[in-house]
Amino acid sequence: MQEILAKAAGLHVVPEFLGNRAPFADPHTRAVIAGLGMKDDIKS
């Protein structure tokens, strides 16, 4: 798992495309993707 997790180093996702049901009960918030680079291949 350490090597698997390392594949996503520096890349972070808050997958709240339809808001946060719990524990914030906030239907207005939205998703975040941080750490994207220029790579566009299957590995990325």
PDB file of all heavy atoms in Angstrom:
ATOM      1  N   MET A   1       0.806  -1.218   0.000  1.00  0.00           N
ATOM      2  CA  MET A   1       0.000   0.000   0.000  1.00  0.00           C
ATOM      3  C   MET A   1       0.840   1.268   0.000  1.00  0.00           C
ATOM      4  O   MET A   1       0.400   2.300  -0.497  1.00  0.00           O
ATOM      5  CB  MET A   1      -0.945  -0.005   1.204  1.00  0.00           C
ATOM      6  CG  MET A   1      -2.052  -1.039   1.121  1.00  0.00           C
ATOM      7  SD  MET A   1      -3.077  -0.882  -0.386  1.00  0.00           S
ATOM      8  CE  MET A   1      -3.746   0.758  -0.189  1.00  0.00           C
ATOM      9  N   GLN A   2       2.039   1.215   0.522  1.00  0.00           N
ATOM     10  CA  GLN A   2       2.862   2.421   0.559  1.00  0.00           C
ATOM     11  C   GLN A   2       3.198   2.884  -0.864  1.00  0.00           C
ATOM     12  O   GLN A   2       3.134   4.078  -1.170  1.00  0.00           O
ATOM     13  CB  GLN A   2       4.140   2.179   1.365  1.00  0.00           C
ATOM     14  CG  GLN A   2       4.894   3.472   1.685  1.00  0.00           C
ATOM     15  CD  GLN A   2       5.768   3.329   2.901  1.00  0.00           C
ATOM     16  OE1 GLN A   2       5.645   2.395   3.662  1.00  0.00           O
ATOM     17  NE2 GLN A   2       6.662   4.291   3.096  1.00  0.00           N
ATOM     18  N   GLU A   3       3.532   1.940  -1.721  1.00  0.00           N
ATOM     19  CA  GLU A   3       3.833   2.306  -3.105  1.00  0.00           C
ATOM     20  C   GLU A   3       2.574   2.736  -3.856  1.00  0.00           C
ATOM     21  O   GLU A   3       2.627   3.622  -4.717  1.00  0.00           O
ATOM     22  CB  GLU A   3       4.508   1.141  -3.825  1.00  0.00           C
ATOM     23  CG  GLU A   3       5.935   0.884  -3.357  1.00  0.00           C
ATOM     24  CD  GLU A   3       6.674  -0.082  -4.257  1.00  0.00           C
ATOM     25  OE1 GLU A   3       6.127  -0.467  -5.321  1.00  0.00           O
ATOM     26  OE2 GLU A   3       7.802  -0.469  -3.890  1.00  0.00           O
ATOM     27  N   ILE A   4       1.447   2.111  -3.540  1.00  0.00           N
ATOM     28  CA  ILE A   4       0.191   2.520  -4.182  1.00  0.00           C
ATOM     29  C   ILE A   4      -0.161   3.946  -3.784  1.00  0.00           C
ATOM     30  O   ILE A   4      -0.502   4.784  -4.635  1.00  0.00           O
ATOM     31  CB  ILE A   4      -0.935   1.541  -3.809  1.00  0.00           C
ATOM     32  CG1 ILE A   4      -0.674   0.167  -4.432  1.00  0.00           C
ATOM     33  CG2 ILE A   4      -2.298   2.088  -4.240  1.00  0.00           C
ATOM     34  CD1 ILE A   4      -1.635  -0.910  -3.984  1.00  0.00           C
ATOM     35  N   LEU A   5      -0.076   4.246  -2.508  1.00  0.00           N
ATOM     36  CA  LEU A   5      -0.407   5.587  -2.037  1.00  0.00           C
ATOM     37  C   LEU A   5       0.551   6.622  -2.607  1.00  0.00           C
ATOM     38  O   LEU A   5       0.164   7.768  -2.887  1.00  0.00           O
ATOM     39  CB  LEU A   5      -0.401   5.617  -0.510  1.00  0.00           C
ATOM     40  CG  LEU A   5      -0.913   6.890   0.162  1.00  0.00           C
ATOM     41  CD1 LEU A   5      -2.353   7.175  -0.256  1.00  0.00           C
ATOM     42  CD2 LEU A   5      -0.826   6.755   1.683  1.00  0.00           C
ATOM     43  N   ALA A   6       1.808   6.238  -2.802  1.00  0.00           N
ATOM     44  CA  ALA A   6       2.802   7.161  -3.332  1.00  0.00           C
ATOM     45  C   ALA A   6       2.455   7.629  -4.742  1.00  0.00           C
ATOM     46  O   ALA A   6       2.886   8.710  -5.172  1.00  0.00           O
ATOM     47  CB  ALA A   6       4.182   6.506  -3.318  1.00  0.00           C
ATOM     48  N   LYS A   7       1.679   6.820  -5.479  1.00  0.00           N
ATOM     49  CA  LYS A   7       1.287   7.216  -6.835  1.00  0.00           C
ATOM     50  C   LYS A   7       0.463   8.505  -6.822  1.00  0.00           C
ATOM     51  O   LYS A   7       0.424   9.235  -7.815  1.00  0.00           O
ATOM     52  CB  LYS A   7       0.483   6.093  -7.498  1.00  0.00           C
ATOM     53  CG  LYS A   7       1.246   4.797  -7.732  1.00  0.00           C
ATOM     54  CD  LYS A   7       0.312   3.720  -8.299  1.00  0.00           C
ATOM     55  CE  LYS A   7       0.994   2.358  -8.384  1.00  0.00           C
ATOM     56  NZ  LYS A   7       1.967   2.306  -9.474  1.00  0.00           N
ATOM     57  N   ALA A   8      -0.220   8.778  -5.711  1.00  0.00           N
ATOM     58  CA  ALA A   8      -1.072   9.967  -5.608  1.00  0.00           C
ATOM     59  C   ALA A   8      -0.400  11.083  -4.808  1.00  0.00           C
ATOM     60  O   ALA A   8      -1.077  12.014  -4.367  1.00  0.00           O
ATOM     61  CB  ALA A   8      -2.398   9.604  -4.968  1.00  0.00           C
ATOM     62  N   ALA A   9       0.909  11.014  -4.623  1.00  0.00           N
ATOM     63  CA  ALA A   9       1.617  12.030  -3.837  1.00  0.00           C
ATOM     64  C   ALA A   9       1.376  13.420  -4.422  1.00  0.00           C
ATOM     65  O   ALA A   9       1.489  13.636  -5.630  1.00  0.00           O
ATOM     66  CB  ALA A   9       3.110  11.713  -3.810  1.00  0.00           C
ATOM     67  N   GLY A  10       1.023  14.356  -3.571  1.00  0.00           N
ATOM     68  CA  GLY A  10       0.796  15.726  -3.987  1.00  0.00           C
ATOM     69  C   GLY A  10      -0.539  15.993  -4.643  1.00  0.00           C
ATOM     70  O   GLY A  10      -0.856  17.140  -4.988  1.00  0.00           O
ATOM     71  N   LEU A  11      -1.347  14.955  -4.830  1.00  0.00           N
ATOM     72  CA  LEU A  11      -2.650  15.096  -5.486  1.00  0.00           C
ATOM     73  C   LEU A  11      -3.751  14.863  -4.457  1.00  0.00           C
ATOM     74  O   LEU A  11      -3.767  13.831  -3.781  1.00  0.00           O
ATOM     75  CB  LEU A  11      -2.755  14.080  -6.624  1.00  0.00           C
ATOM     76  CG  LEU A  11      -3.973  14.140  -7.549  1.00  0.00           C
ATOM     77  CD1 LEU A  11      -4.085  15.511  -8.213  1.00  0.00           C
ATOM     78  CD2 LEU A  11      -3.872  13.059  -8.613  1.00  0.00           C
ATOM     79  N   HIS A  12      -4.653  15.802  -4.333  1.00  0.00           N
ATOM     80  CA  HIS A  12      -5.679  15.744  -3.291  1.00  0.00           C
ATOM     81  C   HIS A  12      -7.052  16.014  -3.885  1.00  0.00           C
ATOM     82  O   HIS A  12      -7.209  16.890  -4.743  1.00  0.00           O
ATOM     83  CB  HIS A  12      -5.386  16.775  -2.193  1.00  0.00           C
ATOM     84  CG  HIS A  12      -4.050  16.590  -1.551  1.00  0.00           C
ATOM     85  ND1 HIS A  12      -3.842  15.749  -0.481  1.00  0.00           N
ATOM     86  CD2 HIS A  12      -2.836  17.125  -1.857  1.00  0.00           C
ATOM     87  CE1 HIS A  12      -2.563  15.778  -0.135  1.00  0.00           C
ATOM     88  NE2 HIS A  12      -1.932  16.601  -0.958  1.00  0.00           N
ATOM     89  N   VAL A  13      -8.047  15.254  -3.412  1.00  0.00           N
ATOM     90  CA  VAL A  13      -9.408  15.394  -3.921  1.00  0.00           C
ATOM     91  C   VAL A  13     -10.386  15.476  -2.754  1.00  0.00           C
ATOM     92  O   VAL A  13     -10.354  14.637  -1.848  1.00  0.00           O
ATOM     93  CB  VAL A  13      -9.788  14.189  -4.816  1.00  0.00           C
ATOM     94  CG1 VAL A  13     -11.255  14.292  -5.247  1.00  0.00           C
ATOM     95  CG2 VAL A  13      -8.886  14.116  -6.037  1.00  0.00           C
ATOM     96  N   VAL A  14     -11.230  16.486  -2.787  1.00  0.00           N
ATOM     97  CA  VAL A  14     -12.403  16.565  -1.904  1.00  0.00           C
ATOM     98  C   VAL A  14     -13.608  16.295  -2.809  1.00  0.00           C
ATOM     99  O   VAL A  14     -14.054  17.179  -3.541  1.00  0.00           O
ATOM    100  CB  VAL A  14     -12.516  17.947  -1.239  1.00  0.00           C
ATOM    101  CG1 VAL A  14     -13.723  17.991  -0.304  1.00  0.00           C
ATOM    102  CG2 VAL A  14     -11.242  18.299  -0.485  1.00  0.00           C
ATOM    103  N   PRO A  15     -14.130  15.063  -2.827  1.00  0.00           N
ATOM    104  CA  PRO A  15     -15.093  14.666  -3.868  1.00  0.00           C
ATOM    105  C   PRO A  15     -16.538  15.054  -3.574  1.00  0.00           C
ATOM    106  O   PRO A  15     -17.451  14.239  -3.701  1.00  0.00           O
ATOM    107  CB  PRO A  15     -14.911  13.149  -3.910  1.00  0.00           C
ATOM    108  CG  PRO A  15     -14.551  12.778  -2.510  1.00  0.00           C
ATOM    109  CD  PRO A  15     -13.750  13.935  -1.960  1.00  0.00           C
ATOM    110  N   GLU A  16     -16.769  16.305  -3.208  1.00  0.00           N
ATOM    111  CA  GLU A  16     -18.102  16.738  -2.786  1.00  0.00           C
ATOM    112  C   GLU A  16     -18.816  17.453  -3.922  1.00  0.00           C
ATOM    113  O   GLU A  16     -19.173  18.622  -3.826  1.00  0.00           O
ATOM    114  CB  GLU A  16     -17.986  17.584  -1.519  1.00  0.00           C
ATOM    115  CG  GLU A  16     -17.420  16.750  -0.356  1.00  0.00           C
ATOM    116  CD  GLU A  16     -17.268  17.512   0.956  1.00  0.00           C
ATOM    117  OE1 GLU A  16     -17.349  18.765   0.931  1.00  0.00           O
ATOM    118  OE2 GLU A  16     -17.065  16.857   1.985  1.00  0.00           O
ATOM    119  N   PHE A  17     -19.054  16.705  -5.012  1.00  0.00           N
ATOM    120  CA  PHE A  17     -19.696  17.278  -6.189  1.00  0.00           C
ATOM    121  C   PHE A  17     -21.147  17.653  -5.930  1.00  0.00           C
ATOM    122  O   PHE A  17     -21.688  18.517  -6.622  1.00  0.00           O
ATOM    123  CB  PHE A  17     -19.626  16.278  -7.351  1.00  0.00           C
ATOM    124  CG  PHE A  17     -18.240  16.048  -7.872  1.00  0.00           C
ATOM    125  CD1 PHE A  17     -17.473  14.984  -7.416  1.00  0.00           C
ATOM    126  CD2 PHE A  17     -17.690  16.891  -8.819  1.00  0.00           C
ATOM    127  CE1 PHE A  17     -16.195  14.762  -7.903  1.00  0.00           C
ATOM    128  CE2 PHE A  17     -16.410  16.689  -9.312  1.00  0.00           C
ATOM    129  CZ  PHE A  17     -15.655  15.620  -8.848  1.00  0.00           C
ATOM    130  N   LEU A  18     -21.783  17.003  -4.964  1.00  0.00           N
ATOM    131  CA  LEU A  18     -23.176  17.322  -4.601  1.00  0.00           C
ATOM    132  C   LEU A  18     -23.264  17.831  -3.162  1.00  0.00           C
ATOM    133  O   LEU A  18     -24.243  17.603  -2.472  1.00  0.00           O
ATOM    134  CB  LEU A  18     -24.070  16.091  -4.777  1.00  0.00           C
ATOM    135  CG  LEU A  18     -24.556  15.800  -6.196  1.00  0.00           C
ATOM    136  CD1 LEU A  18     -25.389  14.527  -6.219  1.00  0.00           C
ATOM    137  CD2 LEU A  18     -25.378  16.961  -6.749  1.00  0.00           C
ATOM    138  N   GLY A  19     -22.230  18.513  -2.722  1.00  0.00           N
ATOM    139  CA  GLY A  19     -22.232  19.046  -1.370  1.00  0.00           C
ATOM    140  C   GLY A  19     -21.792  18.018  -0.352  1.00  0.00           C
ATOM    141  O   GLY A  19     -21.353  16.915  -0.680  1.00  0.00           O
ATOM    142  N   ASN A  20     -21.904  18.404   0.903  1.00  0.00           N
ATOM    143  CA  ASN A  20     -21.521  17.534   2.018  1.00  0.00           C
ATOM    144  C   ASN A  20     -22.772  17.196   2.819  1.00  0.00           C
ATOM    145  O   ASN A  20     -23.406  18.065   3.411  1.00  0.00           O
ATOM    146  CB  ASN A  20     -20.499  18.234   2.917  1.00  0.00           C
ATOM    147  CG  ASN A  20     -20.073  17.382   4.096  1.00  0.00           C
ATOM    148  OD1 ASN A  20     -20.797  17.262   5.087  1.00  0.00           O
ATOM    149  ND2 ASN A  20     -18.893  16.804   4.002  1.00  0.00           N
ATOM    150  N   ARG A  21     -23.155  15.915   2.799  1.00  0.00           N
ATOM    151  CA  ARG A  21     -24.332  15.489   3.556  1.00  0.00           C
ATOM    152  C   ARG A  21     -24.014  15.445   5.045  1.00  0.00           C
ATOM    153  O   ARG A  21     -24.815  15.847   5.883  1.00  0.00           O
ATOM    154  CB  ARG A  21     -24.808  14.126   3.066  1.00  0.00           C
ATOM    155  CG  ARG A  21     -26.066  13.633   3.773  1.00  0.00           C
ATOM    156  CD  ARG A  21     -26.378  12.183   3.433  1.00  0.00           C
ATOM    157  NE  ARG A  21     -26.855  12.017   2.066  1.00  0.00           N
ATOM    158  CZ  ARG A  21     -26.997  10.830   1.485  1.00  0.00           C
ATOM    159  NH1 ARG A  21     -26.647   9.724   2.135  1.00  0.00           N
ATOM    160  NH2 ARG A  21     -27.462  10.740   0.254  1.00  0.00           N
ATOM    161  N   ALA A  22     -22.862  14.876   5.403  1.00  0.00           N
ATOM    162  CA  ALA A  22     -22.448  14.769   6.803  1.00  0.00           C
ATOM    163  C   ALA A  22     -20.929  14.813   6.866  1.00  0.00           C
ATOM    164  O   ALA A  22     -20.247  14.333   5.967  1.00  0.00           O
ATOM    165  CB  ALA A  22     -22.972  13.457   7.418  1.00  0.00           C
ATOM    166  N   PRO A  23     -20.382  15.423   7.908  1.00  0.00           N
ATOM    167  CA  PRO A  23     -21.043  15.955   9.099  1.00  0.00           C
ATOM    168  C   PRO A  23     -21.362  17.448   9.030  1.00  0.00           C
ATOM    169  O   PRO A  23     -21.725  18.043  10.046  1.00  0.00           O
ATOM    170  CB  PRO A  23     -20.004  15.702  10.188  1.00  0.00           C
ATOM    171  CG  PRO A  23     -18.696  15.920   9.483  1.00  0.00           C
ATOM    172  CD  PRO A  23     -18.911  15.402   8.082  1.00  0.00           C
ATOM    173  N   PHE A  24     -21.271  18.082   7.834  1.00  0.00           N
ATOM    174  CA  PHE A  24     -21.490  19.527   7.760  1.00  0.00           C
ATOM    175  C   PHE A  24     -22.869  19.909   7.250  1.00  0.00           C
ATOM    176  O   PHE A  24     -23.260  21.067   7.352  1.00  0.00           O
ATOM    177  CB  PHE A  24     -20.405  20.182   6.882  1.00  0.00           C
ATOM    178  CG  PHE A  24     -19.017  20.014   7.429  1.00  0.00           C
ATOM    179  CD1 PHE A  24     -18.095  19.200   6.808  1.00  0.00           C
ATOM    180  CD2 PHE A  24     -18.647  20.650   8.600  1.00  0.00           C
ATOM    181  CE1 PHE A  24     -16.825  19.018   7.317  1.00  0.00           C
ATOM    182  CE2 PHE A  24     -17.381  20.479   9.128  1.00  0.00           C
ATOM    183  CZ  PHE A  24     -16.464  19.661   8.487  1.00  0.00           C
ATOM    184  N   ALA A  25     -23.602  18.948   6.688  1.00  0.00           N
ATOM    185  CA  ALA A  25     -24.958  19.209   6.197  1.00  0.00           C
ATOM    186  C   ALA A  25     -24.988  20.455   5.330  1.00  0.00           C
ATOM    187  O   ALA A  25     -25.811  21.345   5.499  1.00  0.00           O
ATOM    188  CB  ALA A  25     -25.930  19.344   7.375  1.00  0.00           C
ATOM    189  N   ASP A  26     -24.084  20.504   4.355  1.00  0.00           N
ATOM    190  CA  ASP A  26     -23.919  21.678   3.500  1.00  0.00           C
ATOM    191  C   ASP A  26     -24.115  21.278   2.035  1.00  0.00           C
ATOM    192  O   ASP A  26     -23.182  20.797   1.386  1.00  0.00           O
ATOM    193  CB  ASP A  26     -22.521  22.268   3.706  1.00  0.00           C
ATOM    194  CG  ASP A  26     -22.301  23.558   2.928  1.00  0.00           C
ATOM    195  OD1 ASP A  26     -23.191  23.934   2.132  1.00  0.00           O
ATOM    196  OD2 ASP A  26     -21.242  24.189   3.112  1.00  0.00           O
ATOM    197  N   PRO A  27     -25.316  21.460   1.497  1.00  0.00           N
ATOM    198  CA  PRO A  27     -25.552  21.074   0.099  1.00  0.00           C
ATOM    199  C   PRO A  27     -24.935  22.033  -0.904  1.00  0.00           C
ATOM    200  O   PRO A  27     -24.931  21.752  -2.107  1.00  0.00           O
ATOM    201  CB  PRO A  27     -27.079  21.079  -0.001  1.00  0.00           C
ATOM    202  CG  PRO A  27     -27.515  22.110   0.985  1.00  0.00           C
ATOM    203  CD  PRO A  27     -26.541  21.999   2.133  1.00  0.00           C
ATOM    204  N   HIS A  28     -24.400  23.164  -0.441  1.00  0.00           N
ATOM    205  CA  HIS A  28     -23.903  24.192  -1.352  1.00  0.00           C
ATOM    206  C   HIS A  28     -22.422  24.046  -1.678  1.00  0.00           C
ATOM    207  O   HIS A  28     -21.970  24.534  -2.711  1.00  0.00           O
ATOM    208  CB  HIS A  28     -24.145  25.576  -0.739  1.00  0.00           C
ATOM    209  CG  HIS A  28     -25.575  25.853  -0.418  1.00  0.00           C
ATOM    210  ND1 HIS A  28     -26.545  26.058  -1.378  1.00  0.00           N
ATOM    211  CD2 HIS A  28     -26.222  25.927   0.777  1.00  0.00           C
ATOM    212  CE1 HIS A  28     -27.714  26.253  -0.793  1.00  0.00           C
ATOM    213  NE2 HIS A  28     -27.557  26.194   0.505  1.00  0.00           N
ATOM    214  N   THR A  29     -21.644  23.408  -0.806  1.00  0.00           N
ATOM    215  CA  THR A  29     -20.218  23.271  -1.067  1.00  0.00           C
ATOM    216  C   THR A  29     -19.984  22.373  -2.270  1.00  0.00           C
ATOM    217  O   THR A  29     -20.865  21.596  -2.671  1.00  0.00           O
ATOM    218  CB  THR A  29     -19.491  22.718   0.172  1.00  0.00           C
ATOM    219  OG1 THR A  29     -18.069  22.828  -0.028  1.00  0.00           O
ATOM    220  CG2 THR A  29     -19.850  21.262   0.425  1.00  0.00           C
ATOM    221  N   ARG A  30     -18.790  22.457  -2.845  1.00  0.00           N
ATOM    222  CA  ARG A  30     -18.496  21.692  -4.048  1.00  0.00           C
ATOM    223  C   ARG A  30     -17.106  21.057  -3.972  1.00  0.00           C
ATOM    224  O   ARG A  30     -16.337  21.308  -3.060  1.00  0.00           O
ATOM    225  CB  ARG A  30     -18.606  22.583  -5.290  1.00  0.00           C
ATOM    226  CG  ARG A  30     -20.056  22.938  -5.648  1.00  0.00           C
ATOM    227  CD  ARG A  30     -20.851  21.708  -6.040  1.00  0.00           C
ATOM    228  NE  ARG A  30     -22.256  21.971  -6.357  1.00  0.00           N
ATOM    229  CZ  ARG A  30     -23.265  21.790  -5.530  1.00  0.00           C
ATOM    230  NH1 ARG A  30     -23.033  21.383  -4.281  1.00  0.00           N
ATOM    231  NH2 ARG A  30     -24.509  22.016  -5.910  1.00  0.00           N
ATOM    232  N   ALA A  31     -16.810  20.236  -4.983  1.00  0.00           N
ATOM    233  CA  ALA A  31     -15.585  19.435  -4.984  1.00  0.00           C
ATOM    234  C   ALA A  31     -14.347  20.295  -5.218  1.00  0.00           C
ATOM    235  O   ALA A  31     -14.410  21.385  -5.785  1.00  0.00           O
ATOM    236  CB  ALA A  31     -15.681  18.359  -6.063  1.00  0.00           C
ATOM    237  N   VAL A  32     -13.210  19.742  -4.792  1.00  0.00           N
ATOM    238  CA  VAL A  32     -11.910  20.376  -4.996  1.00  0.00           C
ATOM    239  C   VAL A  32     -10.927  19.321  -5.488  1.00  0.00           C
ATOM    240  O   VAL A  32     -10.878  18.202  -4.958  1.00  0.00           O
ATOM    241  CB  VAL A  32     -11.357  20.989  -3.689  1.00  0.00           C
ATOM    242  CG1 VAL A  32      -9.976  21.598  -3.929  1.00  0.00           C
ATOM    243  CG2 VAL A  32     -12.307  22.033  -3.129  1.00  0.00           C
ATOM    244  N   ILE A  33     -10.152  19.676  -6.509  1.00  0.00           N
ATOM    245  CA  ILE A  33      -9.031  18.855  -6.952  1.00  0.00           C
ATOM    246  C   ILE A  33      -7.799  19.744  -6.893  1.00  0.00           C
ATOM    247  O   ILE A  33      -7.754  20.796  -7.538  1.00  0.00           O
ATOM    248  CB  ILE A  33      -9.228  18.324  -8.387  1.00  0.00           C
ATOM    249  CG1 ILE A  33     -10.564  17.591  -8.518  1.00  0.00           C
ATOM    250  CG2 ILE A  33      -8.062  17.403  -8.781  1.00  0.00           C
ATOM    251  CD1 ILE A  33     -10.936  17.255  -9.951  1.00  0.00           C
ATOM    252  N   ALA A  34      -6.801  19.350  -6.127  1.00  0.00           N
ATOM    253  CA  ALA A  34      -5.597  20.152  -5.957  1.00  0.00           C
ATOM    254  C   ALA A  34      -4.370  19.312  -6.282  1.00  0.00           C
ATOM    255  O   ALA A  34      -4.306  18.136  -5.923  1.00  0.00           O
ATOM    256  CB  ALA A  34      -5.491  20.673  -4.519  1.00  0.00           C
ATOM    257  N   GLY A  35      -3.407  19.936  -6.955  1.00  0.00           N
ATOM    258  CA  GLY A  35      -2.163  19.241  -7.251  1.00  0.00           C
ATOM    259  C   GLY A  35      -2.058  18.713  -8.658  1.00  0.00           C
ATOM    260  O   GLY A  35      -1.160  17.914  -8.956  1.00  0.00           O
ATOM    261  N   LEU A  36      -2.944  19.153  -9.563  1.00  0.00           N
ATOM    262  CA  LEU A  36      -2.881  18.697 -10.952  1.00  0.00           C
ATOM    263  C   LEU A  36      -1.675  19.298 -11.666  1.00  0.00           C
ATOM    264  O   LEU A  36      -1.350  20.471 -11.488  1.00  0.00           O
ATOM    265  CB  LEU A  36      -4.150  19.092 -11.702  1.00  0.00           C
ATOM    266  CG  LEU A  36      -5.439  18.338 -11.370  1.00  0.00           C
ATOM    267  CD1 LEU A  36      -6.601  18.946 -12.144  1.00  0.00           C
ATOM    268  CD2 LEU A  36      -5.300  16.860 -11.702  1.00  0.00           C
ATOM    269  N   GLY A  37      -1.050  18.462 -12.484  1.00  0.00           N
ATOM    270  CA  GLY A  37       0.048  18.926 -13.320  1.00  0.00           C
ATOM    271  C   GLY A  37      -0.327  18.856 -14.784  1.00  0.00           C
ATOM    272  O   GLY A  37      -1.509  18.865 -15.147  1.00  0.00           O
ATOM    273  N   MET A  38       0.690  18.746 -15.662  1.00  0.00           N
ATOM    274  CA  MET A  38       0.458  18.730 -17.099  1.00  0.00           C
ATOM    275  C   MET A  38       0.281  17.321 -17.665  1.00  0.00           C
ATOM    276  O   MET A  38      -0.065  17.163 -18.830  1.00  0.00           O
ATOM    277  CB  MET A  38       1.631  19.412 -17.815  1.00  0.00           C
ATOM    278  CG  MET A  38       1.756  20.897 -17.519  1.00  0.00           C
ATOM    279  SD  MET A  38       0.384  21.853 -18.187  1.00  0.00           S
ATOM    280  CE  MET A  38       0.759  21.782 -19.939  1.00  0.00           C
ATOM    281  N   LYS A  39       0.494  16.298 -16.854  1.00  0.00           N
ATOM    282  CA  LYS A  39       0.384  14.934 -17.359  1.00  0.00           C
ATOM    283  C   LYS A  39      -1.073  14.600 -17.690  1.00  0.00           C
ATOM    284  O   LYS A  39      -1.987  14.966 -16.941  1.00  0.00           O
ATOM    285  CB  LYS A  39       0.933  13.951 -16.343  1.00  0.00           C
ATOM    286  CG  LYS A  39       2.430  14.089 -16.105  1.00  0.00           C
ATOM    287  CD  LYS A  39       2.934  13.066 -15.096  1.00  0.00           C
ATOM    288  CE  LYS A  39       4.441  13.201 -14.904  1.00  0.00           C
ATOM    289  NZ  LYS A  39       4.970  12.218 -13.911  1.00  0.00           N
ATOM    290  N   ASP A  40      -1.240  13.906 -18.795  1.00  0.00           N
ATOM    291  CA  ASP A  40      -2.593  13.569 -19.224  1.00  0.00           C
ATOM    292  C   ASP A  40      -2.706  12.113 -19.667  1.00  0.00           C
ATOM    293  O   ASP A  40      -3.601  11.754 -20.425  1.00  0.00           O
ATOM    294  CB  ASP A  40      -3.050  14.495 -20.353  1.00  0.00           C
ATOM    295  CG  ASP A  40      -2.131  14.421 -21.581  1.00  0.00           C
ATOM    296  OD1 ASP A  40      -1.170  13.626 -21.563  1.00  0.00           O
ATOM    297  OD2 ASP A  40      -2.391  15.151 -22.563  1.00  0.00           O
ATOM    298  N   ASP A  41      -1.806  11.264 -19.162  1.00  0.00           N
ATOM    299  CA  ASP A  41      -1.807   9.863 -19.562  1.00  0.00           C
ATOM    300  C   ASP A  41      -2.586   9.004 -18.565  1.00  0.00           C
ATOM    301  O   ASP A  41      -3.095   9.497 -17.547  1.00  0.00           O
ATOM    302  CB  ASP A  41      -0.373   9.343 -19.702  1.00  0.00           C
ATOM    303  CG  ASP A  41       0.447   9.539 -18.427  1.00  0.00           C
ATOM    304  OD1 ASP A  41      -0.124   9.980 -17.399  1.00  0.00           O
ATOM    305  OD2 ASP A  41       1.651   9.240 -18.450  1.00  0.00           O
ATOM    306  N   ILE A  42      -2.675   7.709 -18.853  1.00  0.00           N
ATOM    307  CA  ILE A  42      -3.417   6.803 -17.992  1.00  0.00           C
ATOM    308  C   ILE A  42      -2.778   6.706 -16.611  1.00  0.00           C
ATOM    309  O   ILE A  42      -3.483   6.587 -15.598  1.00  0.00           O
ATOM    310  CB  ILE A  42      -3.532   5.422 -18.666  1.00  0.00           C
ATOM    311  CG1 ILE A  42      -4.556   5.505 -19.802  1.00  0.00           C
ATOM    312  CG2 ILE A  42      -3.948   4.344 -17.659  1.00  0.00           C
ATOM    313  CD1 ILE A  42      -4.731   4.224 -20.586  1.00  0.00           C
ATOM    314  N   LYS A  43      -1.469   6.790 -16.548  1.00  0.00           N
ATOM    315  CA  LYS A  43      -0.795   6.744 -15.251  1.00  0.00           C
ATOM    316  C   LYS A  43      -1.294   7.857 -14.334  1.00  0.00           C
ATOM    317  O   LYS A  43      -1.519   7.649 -13.137  1.00  0.00           O
ATOM    318  CB  LYS A  43       0.715   6.850 -15.452  1.00  0.00           C
ATOM    319  CG  LYS A  43       1.523   6.705 -14.173  1.00  0.00           C
ATOM    320  CD  LYS A  43       3.020   6.759 -14.473  1.00  0.00           C
ATOM    321  CE  LYS A  43       3.848   6.639 -13.195  1.00  0.00           C
ATOM    322  NZ  LYS A  43       5.302   6.694 -13.494  1.00  0.00           N
ATOM    323  N   SER A  44      -1.484   9.045 -14.897  1.00  0.00           N
ATOM    324  CA  SER A  44      -1.986  10.159 -14.075  1.00  0.00           C
ATOM    325  C   SER A  44      -3.459   9.977 -13.733  1.00  0.00           C
ATOM    326  O   SER A  44      -3.931  10.452 -12.694  1.00  0.00           O
ATOM    327  CB  SER A  44      -1.760  11.492 -14.791  1.00  0.00           C
ATOM    328  OG  SER A  44      -2.510  11.567 -15.991  1.00  0.00           O
TER     329      SER A  44
END
